């Protein structure tokens, strides 16, 4: 069985080697987005045409038509597929056939949003990863978050340094949300000083950031609508990226949905994986029971629609859509 590589190893491999296929699985969005950006940038610099599509409800018509006509194109192309649901048998066969017969002028980037560990061990999937760079990204622990924050700091154009205590503070503050950690690092880069210990970092955060996406997440979990809307408007005013706001909301929504379907023992594992301290577990459990499955489905569909607005695929008012989503969560 071929094992997956991790995020940091994958970044080095993308830079140094060309692969016919790149396969990304897992549910940590920052690492996933960074990998997608790196792969797209690599092939854009090589003058590849970038084709992107999202596969929903086993509709692989786009892939089928492009696969059948690959040889007709002289241009080199990167075909990026975001696959939202585990492929059925017909789709599995199509994917395997595509990668077995891939043209030398084409590359695949397959992004699976919903594959279990067991599904990744199956024969069809293992055949996909034979010649691919196969990457898994998962929510990170505090220690893993510190390691990735250090990596981000090492790659900055304007170097800044954080003491070990400051690194721990930043990791705890962001609770494994690497989007937000990166946002805070970007804000620190605009400060006159370049070295932060835990005291200077605390002072900066308290003075410069009245509210952040974690305050919004906490307010949503505590079901304080008025405070949530105030924080959301503050985030809009501070020009916090809509993608970060959406991820903060979606992360909490996914946790609550998972909790709503789990036994108490399974819930404890969810709390551990998501670094949710005991003092906050009761409010999560209470909110998880509040919504029906139908309402969860509606909320997830709203998130998906907002994601399309954020990416510019659809047209609409992102701030209004996020505000409506926050209201639906109360």
C-alpha atoms as a PDB file:
ATOM      1  CA  UNK A   1       0.000   0.000   0.000  1.00  0.00           C
ATOM      2  CA  UNK A   2       1.339   3.427  -0.968  1.00  0.00           C
ATOM      3  CA  UNK A   3       1.374   5.857   1.935  1.00  0.00           C
ATOM      4  CA  UNK A   4       0.662   9.555   1.639  1.00  0.00           C
ATOM      5  CA  UNK A   5       3.226  12.298   2.061  1.00  0.00           C
ATOM      6  CA  UNK A   6       2.621  15.241   4.392  1.00  0.00           C
ATOM      7  CA  UNK A   7       2.259  18.953   3.672  1.00  0.00           C
ATOM      8  CA  UNK A   8       5.872  20.051   4.189  1.00  0.00           C
ATOM      9  CA  UNK A   9       7.290  17.093   2.283  1.00  0.00           C
ATOM     10  CA  UNK A  10       4.840  17.753  -0.544  1.00  0.00           C
ATOM     11  CA  UNK A  11       5.883  21.407  -0.914  1.00  0.00           C
ATOM     12  CA  UNK A  12       9.487  20.288  -1.476  1.00  0.00           C
ATOM     13  CA  UNK A  13       8.427  17.561  -3.912  1.00  0.00           C
ATOM     14  CA  UNK A  14       6.254  19.967  -5.951  1.00  0.00           C
ATOM     15  CA  UNK A  15       9.210  22.324  -6.332  1.00  0.00           C
ATOM     16  CA  UNK A  16      11.759  19.672  -7.287  1.00  0.00           C
ATOM     17  CA  UNK A  17       9.864  17.130  -9.394  1.00  0.00           C
ATOM     18  CA  UNK A  18       7.185  16.882 -12.064  1.00  0.00           C
ATOM     19  CA  UNK A  19       4.385  14.363 -11.463  1.00  0.00           C
ATOM     20  CA  UNK A  20       1.715  13.222 -13.937  1.00  0.00           C
ATOM     21  CA  UNK A  21      -0.855  13.453 -11.156  1.00  0.00           C
ATOM     22  CA  UNK A  22      -1.280  15.152  -7.792  1.00  0.00           C
ATOM     23  CA  UNK A  23      -3.831  13.783  -5.328  1.00  0.00           C
ATOM     24  CA  UNK A  24      -4.876  15.689  -2.204  1.00  0.00           C
ATOM     25  CA  UNK A  25      -7.145  14.260   0.490  1.00  0.00           C
ATOM     26  CA  UNK A  26      -8.149  15.499   3.924  1.00  0.00           C
ATOM     27  CA  UNK A  27     -10.018  18.381   5.513  1.00  0.00           C
ATOM     28  CA  UNK A  28      -7.471  21.002   6.585  1.00  0.00           C
ATOM     29  CA  UNK A  29      -8.228  23.906   4.220  1.00  0.00           C
ATOM     30  CA  UNK A  30      -5.122  26.065   4.662  1.00  0.00           C
ATOM     31  CA  UNK A  31      -2.674  23.323   3.711  1.00  0.00           C
ATOM     32  CA  UNK A  32      -4.991  22.155   0.937  1.00  0.00           C
ATOM     33  CA  UNK A  33      -5.315  25.649  -0.545  1.00  0.00           C
ATOM     34  CA  UNK A  34      -1.571  26.291  -0.320  1.00  0.00           C
ATOM     35  CA  UNK A  35      -0.806  23.034  -2.112  1.00  0.00           C
ATOM     36  CA  UNK A  36      -3.340  23.825  -4.839  1.00  0.00           C
ATOM     37  CA  UNK A  37      -1.820  27.309  -5.233  1.00  0.00           C
ATOM     38  CA  UNK A  38       1.720  25.904  -5.467  1.00  0.00           C
ATOM     39  CA  UNK A  39       0.743  23.297  -8.067  1.00  0.00           C
ATOM     40  CA  UNK A  40      -1.202  25.836 -10.136  1.00  0.00           C
ATOM     41  CA  UNK A  41       1.658  28.352  -9.958  1.00  0.00           C
ATOM     42  CA  UNK A  42       4.197  25.700 -11.028  1.00  0.00           C
ATOM     43  CA  UNK A  43       2.287  24.807 -14.188  1.00  0.00           C
ATOM     44  CA  UNK A  44       1.161  28.332 -14.959  1.00  0.00           C
ATOM     45  CA  UNK A  45       4.845  29.315 -15.041  1.00  0.00           C
ATOM     46  CA  UNK A  46       5.367  26.456 -17.527  1.00  0.00           C
ATOM     47  CA  UNK A  47       2.568  27.890 -19.725  1.00  0.00           C
ATOM     48  CA  UNK A  48       0.126  25.063 -19.054  1.00  0.00           C
ATOM     49  CA  UNK A  49      -3.553  25.785 -19.591  1.00  0.00           C
ATOM     50  CA  UNK A  50      -5.352  25.371 -16.242  1.00  0.00           C
ATOM     51  CA  UNK A  51      -8.792  23.720 -16.440  1.00  0.00           C
ATOM     52  CA  UNK A  52     -10.843  23.481 -13.240  1.00  0.00           C
ATOM     53  CA  UNK A  53     -14.141  21.869 -12.395  1.00  0.00           C
ATOM     54  CA  UNK A  54     -16.050  20.577  -9.378  1.00  0.00           C
ATOM     55  CA  UNK A  55     -17.593  17.114  -9.529  1.00  0.00           C
ATOM     56  CA  UNK A  56     -20.975  16.988  -7.767  1.00  0.00           C
ATOM     57  CA  UNK A  57     -23.389  14.034  -7.493  1.00  0.00           C
ATOM     58  CA  UNK A  58     -21.199  11.693  -9.560  1.00  0.00           C
ATOM     59  CA  UNK A  59     -21.509  13.899 -12.665  1.00  0.00           C
ATOM     60  CA  UNK A  60     -18.246  13.188 -14.492  1.00  0.00           C
ATOM     61  CA  UNK A  61     -19.335  14.384 -17.940  1.00  0.00           C
ATOM     62  CA  UNK A  62     -16.665  17.087 -18.008  1.00  0.00           C
ATOM     63  CA  UNK A  63     -13.911  14.583 -17.277  1.00  0.00           C
ATOM     64  CA  UNK A  64     -15.304  12.062 -19.760  1.00  0.00           C
ATOM     65  CA  UNK A  65     -15.447  14.553 -22.628  1.00  0.00           C
ATOM     66  CA  UNK A  66     -11.965  15.946 -21.922  1.00  0.00           C
ATOM     67  CA  UNK A  67     -10.473  12.488 -21.457  1.00  0.00           C
ATOM     68  CA  UNK A  68     -11.795  11.370 -24.834  1.00  0.00           C
ATOM     69  CA  UNK A  69     -10.341  14.417 -26.574  1.00  0.00           C
ATOM     70  CA  UNK A  70      -6.967  14.799 -24.866  1.00  0.00           C
ATOM     71  CA  UNK A  71      -5.034  13.755 -27.952  1.00  0.00           C
ATOM     72  CA  UNK A  72      -6.661  16.487 -30.028  1.00  0.00           C
ATOM     73  CA  UNK A  73      -4.984  19.242 -28.043  1.00  0.00           C
ATOM     74  CA  UNK A  74      -1.407  20.335 -28.600  1.00  0.00           C
ATOM     75  CA  UNK A  75      -1.378  22.585 -25.527  1.00  0.00           C
ATOM     76  CA  UNK A  76      -0.081  21.294 -22.226  1.00  0.00           C
ATOM     77  CA  UNK A  77      -2.831  21.325 -19.624  1.00  0.00           C
ATOM     78  CA  UNK A  78      -3.426  20.870 -15.929  1.00  0.00           C
ATOM     79  CA  UNK A  79      -6.863  19.420 -15.225  1.00  0.00           C
ATOM     80  CA  UNK A  80      -7.962  20.203 -11.668  1.00  0.00           C
ATOM     81  CA  UNK A  81     -10.921  18.225 -10.314  1.00  0.00           C
ATOM     82  CA  UNK A  82     -12.487  18.888  -6.928  1.00  0.00           C
ATOM     83  CA  UNK A  83     -14.453  15.738  -6.076  1.00  0.00           C
ATOM     84  CA  UNK A  84     -16.991  16.480  -3.367  1.00  0.00           C
ATOM     85  CA  UNK A  85     -18.298  12.942  -2.844  1.00  0.00           C
ATOM     86  CA  UNK A  86     -16.572   9.560  -2.874  1.00  0.00           C
ATOM     87  CA  UNK A  87     -16.713   8.241  -6.467  1.00  0.00           C
ATOM     88  CA  UNK A  88     -19.108   5.415  -7.279  1.00  0.00           C
ATOM     89  CA  UNK A  89     -17.905   2.319  -9.212  1.00  0.00           C
ATOM     90  CA  UNK A  90     -18.354   3.884 -12.639  1.00  0.00           C
ATOM     91  CA  UNK A  91     -16.467   6.998 -11.591  1.00  0.00           C
ATOM     92  CA  UNK A  92     -13.732   4.924  -9.988  1.00  0.00           C
ATOM     93  CA  UNK A  93     -13.179   3.081 -13.271  1.00  0.00           C
ATOM     94  CA  UNK A  94     -13.159   6.331 -15.244  1.00  0.00           C
ATOM     95  CA  UNK A  95     -10.567   7.892 -12.949  1.00  0.00           C
ATOM     96  CA  UNK A  96      -8.352   4.813 -13.059  1.00  0.00           C
ATOM     97  CA  UNK A  97      -8.584   4.668 -16.869  1.00  0.00           C
ATOM     98  CA  UNK A  98      -7.744   8.359 -17.175  1.00  0.00           C
ATOM     99  CA  UNK A  99      -4.604   8.066 -15.095  1.00  0.00           C
ATOM    100  CA  UNK A 100      -3.466   4.862 -16.777  1.00  0.00           C
ATOM    101  CA  UNK A 101      -3.697   6.543 -20.176  1.00  0.00           C
ATOM    102  CA  UNK A 102      -2.720  10.095 -19.317  1.00  0.00           C
ATOM    103  CA  UNK A 103      -1.105  12.061 -22.142  1.00  0.00           C
ATOM    104  CA  UNK A 104       2.457  13.294 -21.688  1.00  0.00           C
ATOM    105  CA  UNK A 105       1.193  16.836 -22.251  1.00  0.00           C
ATOM    106  CA  UNK A 106      -1.401  16.682 -19.465  1.00  0.00           C
ATOM    107  CA  UNK A 107      -1.317  16.695 -15.670  1.00  0.00           C
ATOM    108  CA  UNK A 108      -4.089  15.884 -13.192  1.00  0.00           C
ATOM    109  CA  UNK A 109      -4.790  17.495  -9.840  1.00  0.00           C
ATOM    110  CA  UNK A 110      -7.446  15.499  -7.948  1.00  0.00           C
ATOM    111  CA  UNK A 111      -8.808  17.017  -4.746  1.00  0.00           C
ATOM    112  CA  UNK A 112     -10.998  14.660  -2.723  1.00  0.00           C
ATOM    113  CA  UNK A 113     -13.169  16.354  -0.091  1.00  0.00           C
ATOM    114  CA  UNK A 114     -14.702  13.224   1.410  1.00  0.00           C
ATOM    115  CA  UNK A 115     -12.630  10.039   1.406  1.00  0.00           C
ATOM    116  CA  UNK A 116     -12.248   7.948   4.536  1.00  0.00           C
ATOM    117  CA  UNK A 117      -9.007   6.223   5.503  1.00  0.00           C
ATOM    118  CA  UNK A 118     -10.581   2.896   4.533  1.00  0.00           C
ATOM    119  CA  UNK A 119     -11.517   4.208   1.064  1.00  0.00           C
ATOM    120  CA  UNK A 120      -7.966   5.404   0.532  1.00  0.00           C
ATOM    121  CA  UNK A 121      -6.756   1.827   1.084  1.00  0.00           C
ATOM    122  CA  UNK A 122      -9.000   0.349  -1.612  1.00  0.00           C
ATOM    123  CA  UNK A 123      -7.629  -1.128  -4.833  1.00  0.00           C
ATOM    124  CA  UNK A 124      -9.053   1.559  -7.137  1.00  0.00           C
ATOM    125  CA  UNK A 125      -7.621   4.420  -5.076  1.00  0.00           C
ATOM    126  CA  UNK A 126      -4.242   2.760  -4.611  1.00  0.00           C
ATOM    127  CA  UNK A 127      -4.039   2.324  -8.386  1.00  0.00           C
ATOM    128  CA  UNK A 128      -4.623   6.092  -8.737  1.00  0.00           C
ATOM    129  CA  UNK A 129      -1.685   6.979  -6.505  1.00  0.00           C
ATOM    130  CA  UNK A 130       0.832   4.642  -8.197  1.00  0.00           C
ATOM    131  CA  UNK A 131       2.514   7.463 -10.132  1.00  0.00           C
ATOM    132  CA  UNK A 132       1.025  10.406  -8.247  1.00  0.00           C
ATOM    133  CA  UNK A 133       2.223  12.721  -5.542  1.00  0.00           C
ATOM    134  CA  UNK A 134      -0.308  11.633  -2.907  1.00  0.00           C
ATOM    135  CA  UNK A 135      -0.826  14.112  -0.055  1.00  0.00           C
ATOM    136  CA  UNK A 136      -2.998  13.952   3.064  1.00  0.00           C
ATOM    137  CA  UNK A 137      -3.858  17.070   5.057  1.00  0.00           C
ATOM    138  CA  UNK A 138      -5.672  16.895   8.390  1.00  0.00           C
ATOM    139  CA  UNK A 139      -6.547  19.329  11.191  1.00  0.00           C
ATOM    140  CA  UNK A 140      -3.419  19.993  13.200  1.00  0.00           C
ATOM    141  CA  UNK A 141      -2.618  19.702  16.886  1.00  0.00           C
ATOM    142  CA  UNK A 142      -1.089  22.601  18.822  1.00  0.00           C
ATOM    143  CA  UNK A 143       2.415  21.144  18.378  1.00  0.00           C
ATOM    144  CA  UNK A 144       1.880  20.585  14.652  1.00  0.00           C
ATOM    145  CA  UNK A 145       0.504  24.097  14.367  1.00  0.00           C
ATOM    146  CA  UNK A 146       3.672  25.497  15.974  1.00  0.00           C
ATOM    147  CA  UNK A 147       5.810  23.580  13.465  1.00  0.00           C
ATOM    148  CA  UNK A 148       3.842  24.961  10.511  1.00  0.00           C
ATOM    149  CA  UNK A 149       3.884  28.507  11.926  1.00  0.00           C
ATOM    150  CA  UNK A 150       7.673  28.248  12.174  1.00  0.00           C
ATOM    151  CA  UNK A 151       7.777  27.159   8.543  1.00  0.00           C
ATOM    152  CA  UNK A 152       5.662  30.139   7.467  1.00  0.00           C
ATOM    153  CA  UNK A 153       7.898  32.501   9.438  1.00  0.00           C
ATOM    154  CA  UNK A 154      10.984  31.081   7.740  1.00  0.00           C
ATOM    155  CA  UNK A 155       9.606  31.877   4.285  1.00  0.00           C
ATOM    156  CA  UNK A 156       8.678  35.528   4.862  1.00  0.00           C
ATOM    157  CA  UNK A 157      10.179  38.313   2.747  1.00  0.00           C
ATOM    158  CA  UNK A 158      10.393  40.487   5.854  1.00  0.00           C
ATOM    159  CA  UNK A 159      11.662  38.154   8.590  1.00  0.00           C
ATOM    160  CA  UNK A 160      10.038  38.285  12.014  1.00  0.00           C
ATOM    161  CA  UNK A 161      10.848  36.104  15.009  1.00  0.00           C
ATOM    162  CA  UNK A 162       8.677  34.797  17.825  1.00  0.00           C
ATOM    163  CA  UNK A 163       9.913  33.295  21.061  1.00  0.00           C
ATOM    164  CA  UNK A 164       8.795  29.774  21.943  1.00  0.00           C
ATOM    165  CA  UNK A 165       6.219  31.216  24.361  1.00  0.00           C
ATOM    166  CA  UNK A 166       4.927  33.572  21.659  1.00  0.00           C
ATOM    167  CA  UNK A 167       4.670  30.680  19.204  1.00  0.00           C
ATOM    168  CA  UNK A 168       2.658  28.706  21.747  1.00  0.00           C
ATOM    169  CA  UNK A 169       0.414  31.718  22.348  1.00  0.00           C
ATOM    170  CA  UNK A 170      -0.242  32.172  18.633  1.00  0.00           C
ATOM    171  CA  UNK A 171      -0.961  28.462  18.178  1.00  0.00           C
ATOM    172  CA  UNK A 172      -3.352  28.437  21.148  1.00  0.00           C
ATOM    173  CA  UNK A 173      -5.053  31.633  20.042  1.00  0.00           C
ATOM    174  CA  UNK A 174      -5.719  30.256  16.577  1.00  0.00           C
ATOM    175  CA  UNK A 175      -6.575  26.739  17.836  1.00  0.00           C
ATOM    176  CA  UNK A 176      -5.111  24.989  14.808  1.00  0.00           C
ATOM    177  CA  UNK A 177      -6.743  27.305  12.243  1.00  0.00           C
ATOM    178  CA  UNK A 178      -3.774  27.920   9.951  1.00  0.00           C
ATOM    179  CA  UNK A 179      -5.682  30.480   7.867  1.00  0.00           C
ATOM    180  CA  UNK A 180      -6.004  32.682  10.917  1.00  0.00           C
ATOM    181  CA  UNK A 181      -2.434  32.047  12.087  1.00  0.00           C
ATOM    182  CA  UNK A 182      -1.204  33.173   8.675  1.00  0.00           C
ATOM    183  CA  UNK A 183      -3.451  36.228   8.833  1.00  0.00           C
ATOM    184  CA  UNK A 184      -1.947  37.201  12.187  1.00  0.00           C
ATOM    185  CA  UNK A 185       1.573  36.680  10.849  1.00  0.00           C
ATOM    186  CA  UNK A 186       0.741  38.993   7.931  1.00  0.00           C
ATOM    187  CA  UNK A 187      -0.456  41.636  10.367  1.00  0.00           C
ATOM    188  CA  UNK A 188       2.712  41.291  12.444  1.00  0.00           C
ATOM    189  CA  UNK A 189       4.789  41.927   9.331  1.00  0.00           C
ATOM    190  CA  UNK A 190       3.318  45.411   9.118  1.00  0.00           C
ATOM    191  CA  UNK A 191       4.539  46.335  12.598  1.00  0.00           C
ATOM    192  CA  UNK A 192       7.787  48.307  13.082  1.00  0.00           C
ATOM    193  CA  UNK A 193       9.267  45.657  15.372  1.00  0.00           C
ATOM    194  CA  UNK A 194      10.453  42.288  14.094  1.00  0.00           C
ATOM    195  CA  UNK A 195      10.780  40.321  17.346  1.00  0.00           C
ATOM    196  CA  UNK A 196       7.848  39.297  19.560  1.00  0.00           C
ATOM    197  CA  UNK A 197       7.791  37.540  22.906  1.00  0.00           C
ATOM    198  CA  UNK A 198       4.564  36.414  24.537  1.00  0.00           C
ATOM    199  CA  UNK A 199       4.061  39.775  26.310  1.00  0.00           C
ATOM    200  CA  UNK A 200       4.574  41.952  23.232  1.00  0.00           C
ATOM    201  CA  UNK A 201       2.436  39.594  21.173  1.00  0.00           C
ATOM    202  CA  UNK A 202      -0.359  39.697  23.763  1.00  0.00           C
ATOM    203  CA  UNK A 203      -0.174  43.505  23.873  1.00  0.00           C
ATOM    204  CA  UNK A 204      -0.287  43.712  20.109  1.00  0.00           C
ATOM    205  CA  UNK A 205      -3.229  41.358  19.758  1.00  0.00           C
ATOM    206  CA  UNK A 206      -5.237  43.125  22.442  1.00  0.00           C
ATOM    207  CA  UNK A 207      -4.506  46.590  20.993  1.00  0.00           C
ATOM    208  CA  UNK A 208      -4.679  45.860  17.289  1.00  0.00           C
ATOM    209  CA  UNK A 209      -7.406  43.225  17.104  1.00  0.00           C
ATOM    210  CA  UNK A 210     -10.542  44.044  19.001  1.00  0.00           C
ATOM    211  CA  UNK A 211     -12.233  41.031  17.445  1.00  0.00           C
ATOM    212  CA  UNK A 212     -11.015  38.183  15.282  1.00  0.00           C
ATOM    213  CA  UNK A 213     -12.530  35.129  13.610  1.00  0.00           C
ATOM    214  CA  UNK A 214     -12.075  33.112  16.809  1.00  0.00           C
ATOM    215  CA  UNK A 215     -14.218  35.578  18.718  1.00  0.00           C
ATOM    216  CA  UNK A 216     -16.844  35.107  16.015  1.00  0.00           C
ATOM    217  CA  UNK A 217     -16.614  31.316  16.295  1.00  0.00           C
ATOM    218  CA  UNK A 218     -16.910  31.419  20.071  1.00  0.00           C
ATOM    219  CA  UNK A 219     -19.889  33.761  19.874  1.00  0.00           C
ATOM    220  CA  UNK A 220     -21.618  31.460  17.378  1.00  0.00           C
ATOM    221  CA  UNK A 221     -21.092  28.458  19.640  1.00  0.00           C
ATOM    222  CA  UNK A 222     -22.412  30.431  22.611  1.00  0.00           C
ATOM    223  CA  UNK A 223     -25.453  31.439  20.505  1.00  0.00           C
ATOM    224  CA  UNK A 224     -25.068  35.166  21.079  1.00  0.00           C
ATOM    225  CA  UNK A 225     -26.544  36.560  17.863  1.00  0.00           C
ATOM    226  CA  UNK A 226     -26.132  40.263  18.613  1.00  0.00           C
ATOM    227  CA  UNK A 227     -22.466  39.837  19.516  1.00  0.00           C
ATOM    228  CA  UNK A 228     -21.884  37.600  16.476  1.00  0.00           C
ATOM    229  CA  UNK A 229     -23.266  40.244  14.122  1.00  0.00           C
ATOM    230  CA  UNK A 230     -21.206  42.994  15.784  1.00  0.00           C
ATOM    231  CA  UNK A 231     -18.032  40.910  15.424  1.00  0.00           C
ATOM    232  CA  UNK A 232     -18.886  40.055  11.816  1.00  0.00           C
ATOM    233  CA  UNK A 233     -19.298  43.740  10.921  1.00  0.00           C
ATOM    234  CA  UNK A 234     -15.976  44.493  12.609  1.00  0.00           C
ATOM    235  CA  UNK A 235     -14.283  41.799  10.519  1.00  0.00           C
ATOM    236  CA  UNK A 236     -15.775  43.305   7.361  1.00  0.00           C
ATOM    237  CA  UNK A 237     -14.518  46.752   8.400  1.00  0.00           C
ATOM    238  CA  UNK A 238     -11.033  45.403   9.071  1.00  0.00           C
ATOM    239  CA  UNK A 239     -11.067  43.739   5.641  1.00  0.00           C
ATOM    240  CA  UNK A 240     -10.475  40.278   7.020  1.00  0.00           C
ATOM    241  CA  UNK A 241     -10.603  37.915   4.035  1.00  0.00           C
ATOM    242  CA  UNK A 242     -14.040  36.425   3.448  1.00  0.00           C
ATOM    243  CA  UNK A 243     -12.445  32.999   2.939  1.00  0.00           C
ATOM    244  CA  UNK A 244     -11.092  33.101   6.500  1.00  0.00           C
ATOM    245  CA  UNK A 245     -14.459  34.151   7.934  1.00  0.00           C
ATOM    246  CA  UNK A 246     -16.219  31.387   6.009  1.00  0.00           C
ATOM    247  CA  UNK A 247     -13.714  28.790   7.153  1.00  0.00           C
ATOM    248  CA  UNK A 248     -14.107  29.825  10.810  1.00  0.00           C
ATOM    249  CA  UNK A 249     -17.873  29.360  10.510  1.00  0.00           C
ATOM    250  CA  UNK A 250     -17.665  26.142   8.497  1.00  0.00           C
ATOM    251  CA  UNK A 251     -15.191  24.603  10.928  1.00  0.00           C
ATOM    252  CA  UNK A 252     -17.599  25.055  13.849  1.00  0.00           C
ATOM    253  CA  UNK A 253     -20.537  23.870  11.754  1.00  0.00           C
ATOM    254  CA  UNK A 254     -18.742  20.657  10.799  1.00  0.00           C
ATOM    255  CA  UNK A 255     -17.767  19.993  14.398  1.00  0.00           C
ATOM    256  CA  UNK A 256     -21.353  20.447  15.566  1.00  0.00           C
ATOM    257  CA  UNK A 257     -22.711  18.240  12.794  1.00  0.00           C
ATOM    258  CA  UNK A 258     -20.247  15.473  13.647  1.00  0.00           C
ATOM    259  CA  UNK A 259     -21.132  15.734  17.337  1.00  0.00           C
ATOM    260  CA  UNK A 260     -24.838  15.474  16.491  1.00  0.00           C
ATOM    261  CA  UNK A 261     -24.274  12.048  14.917  1.00  0.00           C
ATOM    262  CA  UNK A 262     -21.888  10.597  17.538  1.00  0.00           C
ATOM    263  CA  UNK A 263     -21.992   8.650  20.773  1.00  0.00           C
ATOM    264  CA  UNK A 264     -20.531  10.307  23.896  1.00  0.00           C
ATOM    265  CA  UNK A 265     -17.333   8.288  23.421  1.00  0.00           C
ATOM    266  CA  UNK A 266     -17.016   9.395  19.810  1.00  0.00           C
ATOM    267  CA  UNK A 267     -17.708  12.981  20.840  1.00  0.00           C
ATOM    268  CA  UNK A 268     -14.718  12.905  23.172  1.00  0.00           C
ATOM    269  CA  UNK A 269     -12.490  11.934  20.247  1.00  0.00           C
ATOM    270  CA  UNK A 270     -13.907  14.849  18.224  1.00  0.00           C
ATOM    271  CA  UNK A 271     -13.170  17.239  21.084  1.00  0.00           C
ATOM    272  CA  UNK A 272      -9.601  15.960  21.287  1.00  0.00           C
ATOM    273  CA  UNK A 273      -8.993  16.163  17.513  1.00  0.00           C
ATOM    274  CA  UNK A 274     -10.240  19.742  17.395  1.00  0.00           C
ATOM    275  CA  UNK A 275      -8.435  20.942  20.554  1.00  0.00           C
ATOM    276  CA  UNK A 276     -11.708  21.834  22.296  1.00  0.00           C
ATOM    277  CA  UNK A 277     -11.039  22.269  25.988  1.00  0.00           C
ATOM    278  CA  UNK A 278     -13.351  20.726  28.591  1.00  0.00           C
ATOM    279  CA  UNK A 279     -14.722  24.091  29.649  1.00  0.00           C
ATOM    280  CA  UNK A 280     -16.172  24.577  26.151  1.00  0.00           C
ATOM    281  CA  UNK A 281     -17.414  21.075  25.402  1.00  0.00           C
ATOM    282  CA  UNK A 282     -20.854  21.509  26.948  1.00  0.00           C
ATOM    283  CA  UNK A 283     -21.800  24.453  24.709  1.00  0.00           C
ATOM    284  CA  UNK A 284     -20.693  22.529  21.618  1.00  0.00           C
ATOM    285  CA  UNK A 285     -22.760  19.508  22.637  1.00  0.00           C
ATOM    286  CA  UNK A 286     -25.786  21.716  23.320  1.00  0.00           C
ATOM    287  CA  UNK A 287     -25.578  23.476  19.944  1.00  0.00           C
ATOM    288  CA  UNK A 288     -25.011  20.172  18.125  1.00  0.00           C
ATOM    289  CA  UNK A 289     -28.421  18.964  19.318  1.00  0.00           C
ATOM    290  CA  UNK A 290     -30.199  22.140  18.265  1.00  0.00           C
ATOM    291  CA  UNK A 291     -30.372  21.580  14.506  1.00  0.00           C
ATOM    292  CA  UNK A 292     -32.006  18.828  12.455  1.00  0.00           C
ATOM    293  CA  UNK A 293     -30.152  17.059   9.663  1.00  0.00           C
ATOM    294  CA  UNK A 294     -32.208  19.002   7.144  1.00  0.00           C
ATOM    295  CA  UNK A 295     -31.125  22.278   8.706  1.00  0.00           C
ATOM    296  CA  UNK A 296     -27.483  21.183   8.712  1.00  0.00           C
ATOM    297  CA  UNK A 297     -27.815  20.340   5.005  1.00  0.00           C
ATOM    298  CA  UNK A 298     -29.237  23.808   4.347  1.00  0.00           C
ATOM    299  CA  UNK A 299     -26.359  25.441   6.243  1.00  0.00           C
ATOM    300  CA  UNK A 300     -23.728  23.446   4.348  1.00  0.00           C
ATOM    301  CA  UNK A 301     -25.365  24.403   1.047  1.00  0.00           C
ATOM    302  CA  UNK A 302     -25.214  28.068   2.091  1.00  0.00           C
ATOM    303  CA  UNK A 303     -21.496  27.669   2.856  1.00  0.00           C
ATOM    304  CA  UNK A 304     -20.899  26.093  -0.543  1.00  0.00           C
ATOM    305  CA  UNK A 305     -22.761  28.931  -2.275  1.00  0.00           C
ATOM    306  CA  UNK A 306     -20.708  31.529  -0.375  1.00  0.00           C
ATOM    307  CA  UNK A 307     -17.499  29.728  -1.330  1.00  0.00           C
ATOM    308  CA  UNK A 308     -18.447  30.141  -4.997  1.00  0.00           C
ATOM    309  CA  UNK A 309     -19.003  33.878  -4.384  1.00  0.00           C
ATOM    310  CA  UNK A 310     -15.643  34.221  -2.619  1.00  0.00           C
ATOM    311  CA  UNK A 311     -13.843  32.496  -5.496  1.00  0.00           C
ATOM    312  CA  UNK A 312     -15.607  34.669  -8.076  1.00  0.00           C
ATOM    313  CA  UNK A 313     -17.300  31.684  -9.737  1.00  0.00           C
ATOM    314  CA  UNK A 314     -20.724  33.157  -8.955  1.00  0.00           C
ATOM    315  CA  UNK A 315     -21.758  36.801  -8.611  1.00  0.00           C
ATOM    316  CA  UNK A 316     -23.293  38.226  -5.442  1.00  0.00           C
ATOM    317  CA  UNK A 317     -22.782  40.138  -2.202  1.00  0.00           C
ATOM    318  CA  UNK A 318     -20.411  38.047  -0.068  1.00  0.00           C
ATOM    319  CA  UNK A 319     -20.896  40.150   3.076  1.00  0.00           C
ATOM    320  CA  UNK A 320     -24.678  39.890   2.859  1.00  0.00           C
ATOM    321  CA  UNK A 321     -24.443  36.134   2.314  1.00  0.00           C
ATOM    322  CA  UNK A 322     -22.145  35.710   5.336  1.00  0.00           C
ATOM    323  CA  UNK A 323     -24.495  37.830   7.452  1.00  0.00           C
ATOM    324  CA  UNK A 324     -27.470  35.675   6.445  1.00  0.00           C
ATOM    325  CA  UNK A 325     -25.475  32.542   7.278  1.00  0.00           C
ATOM    326  CA  UNK A 326     -24.620  33.839  10.754  1.00  0.00           C
ATOM    327  CA  UNK A 327     -28.297  34.566  11.374  1.00  0.00           C
ATOM    328  CA  UNK A 328     -29.234  31.031  10.309  1.00  0.00           C
ATOM    329  CA  UNK A 329     -26.815  29.636  12.888  1.00  0.00           C
ATOM    330  CA  UNK A 330     -28.789  31.109  15.797  1.00  0.00           C
END
